[in-house]
Amino acid sequence: MGKYMFHATYTGEGLVGLLKEGGSRRRAALTDTIEAMGGNVEGLYYAFGETDLYIICDLPDDATATAVSLNIAKAGALNMRATVLLTPEMVDEAVKKTVPYRPPGA
């Protein structure tokens, strides 16, 4: 399982739906979607600013996260972005790897 944070902004059409259904019903719908894809929602938050909605969730893999993001965006109510979240242990594993990289000009 991977952990992801989805960043979403409502379109005009999406805002009409949000105003009609309310935040709790939209949370339930998004949670149902993620659970149907084998995941679970850790948290869902509405926010002020350039991002209207944050969803922190676990999903089986990157392909599933991509499918969720694309299909939610395709519906036209939300514009989606996804961030892959890493645990401190994953970073520990990464820093132990040797990477054969040469910077430009070196």
Protein backbone atom coordinates (compact mmCIF):
# COMPACT_ATOMS: atom_id res chain seq x y z
CA MET A 1 0.00 0.00 0.00
CA GLY A 2 1.15 3.50 -0.79
CA LYS A 3 0.10 6.69 0.94
CA TYR A 4 -1.14 9.58 -1.18
CA MET A 5 -2.39 13.11 -0.69
CA PHE A 6 -4.86 14.29 -3.30
CA HIS A 7 -5.20 18.05 -3.77
CA ALA A 8 -8.48 19.05 -5.39
CA THR A 9 -10.08 22.27 -6.53
CA TYR A 10 -13.76 22.48 -7.32
CA THR A 11 -14.97 23.49 -10.75
CA GLY A 12 -18.13 25.61 -11.04
CA GLU A 13 -20.13 22.41 -11.62
CA GLY A 14 -18.52 20.80 -8.58
CA LEU A 15 -19.38 23.75 -6.36
CA VAL A 16 -23.03 23.45 -7.36
CA GLY A 17 -22.94 19.80 -6.26
CA LEU A 18 -21.12 20.62 -3.02
CA LEU A 19 -23.65 23.31 -2.14
CA LYS A 20 -26.49 20.89 -2.89
CA GLU A 21 -25.08 17.86 -1.01
CA GLY A 22 -22.86 19.36 1.67
CA GLY A 23 -19.41 18.36 2.81
CA SER A 24 -20.32 15.20 4.69
CA ARG A 25 -22.13 13.59 1.77
CA ARG A 26 -19.25 14.43 -0.58
CA ARG A 27 -16.80 12.94 1.94
CA ALA A 28 -18.87 9.74 1.95
CA ALA A 29 -18.91 9.59 -1.85
CA LEU A 30 -15.14 10.09 -2.13
CA THR A 31 -14.48 7.59 0.66
CA ASP A 32 -16.67 5.03 -1.13
CA THR A 33 -14.66 5.56 -4.31
CA ILE A 34 -11.30 5.07 -2.62
CA GLU A 35 -12.50 2.04 -0.66
CA ALA A 36 -13.91 0.48 -3.85
CA MET A 37 -10.37 0.67 -5.27
CA GLY A 38 -8.93 -1.25 -2.33
CA GLY A 39 -7.86 1.77 -0.31
CA ASN A 40 -8.85 3.61 2.82
CA VAL A 41 -9.16 7.29 3.71
CA GLU A 42 -7.02 8.52 6.60
CA GLY A 43 -8.36 12.06 6.44
CA LEU A 44 -10.37 14.39 4.23
CA TYR A 45 -10.23 18.13 4.82
CA TYR A 46 -11.74 21.16 3.16
CA ALA A 47 -9.48 24.22 3.10
CA PHE A 48 -9.24 27.91 2.28
CA GLY A 49 -6.80 28.96 -0.41
CA GLU A 50 -5.79 27.61 -3.79
CA THR A 51 -6.74 24.04 -2.84
CA ASP A 52 -10.32 23.34 -1.78
CA LEU A 53 -9.95 19.74 -0.63
CA TYR A 54 -7.21 17.46 0.66
CA ILE A 55 -7.60 13.69 0.86
CA ILE A 56 -4.95 11.60 2.60
CA CYS A 57 -5.39 7.94 1.80
CA ASP A 58 -3.79 4.56 1.28
CA LEU A 59 -4.13 2.87 -2.11
CA PRO A 60 -2.66 -0.39 -3.38
CA ASP A 61 -0.19 1.20 -5.85
CA ASP A 62 0.64 4.17 -8.08
CA ALA A 63 -1.46 2.85 -10.97
CA THR A 64 -4.54 2.70 -8.72
CA ALA A 65 -3.86 6.22 -7.41
CA THR A 66 -3.55 7.44 -11.00
CA ALA A 67 -6.82 5.73 -11.97
CA VAL A 68 -8.64 7.31 -9.02
CA SER A 69 -7.27 10.76 -9.81
CA LEU A 70 -8.00 10.56 -13.54
CA ASN A 71 -11.53 9.23 -13.15
CA ILE A 72 -12.52 11.75 -10.48
CA ALA A 73 -11.13 14.56 -12.66
CA LYS A 74 -12.87 13.15 -15.76
CA ALA A 75 -16.25 13.60 -14.05
CA GLY A 76 -15.68 17.37 -14.23
CA ALA A 77 -16.43 18.39 -10.64
CA LEU A 78 -12.85 18.46 -9.34
CA ASN A 79 -9.41 19.24 -10.72
CA MET A 80 -7.03 16.75 -9.10
CA ARG A 81 -3.33 16.53 -8.26
CA ALA A 82 -1.67 13.74 -6.32
CA THR A 83 1.37 13.71 -4.06
CA VAL A 84 3.05 10.44 -3.11
CA LEU A 85 3.79 10.49 0.63
CA LEU A 86 6.87 8.78 2.06
CA THR A 87 7.49 7.48 5.56
CA PRO A 88 10.73 8.34 7.38
CA GLU A 89 11.73 4.69 6.96
CA MET A 90 11.34 4.97 3.19
CA VAL A 91 13.65 7.99 3.22
CA ASP A 92 16.14 6.01 5.36
CA GLU A 93 16.13 3.29 2.69
CA ALA A 94 16.56 5.86 -0.09
CA VAL A 95 19.56 7.62 1.44
CA LYS A 96 21.42 4.29 1.68
CA LYS A 97 21.29 3.83 -2.11
CA THR A 98 24.23 4.83 -4.27
CA VAL A 99 23.16 6.82 -7.31
CA PRO A 100 25.61 7.15 -10.24
CA TYR A 101 24.83 10.77 -11.17
CA ARG A 102 27.15 13.38 -12.70
CA PRO A 103 25.97 17.00 -12.46
CA PRO A 104 26.22 19.23 -15.55
CA GLY A 105 29.73 20.56 -16.12
CA ALA A 106 31.40 18.17 -13.67
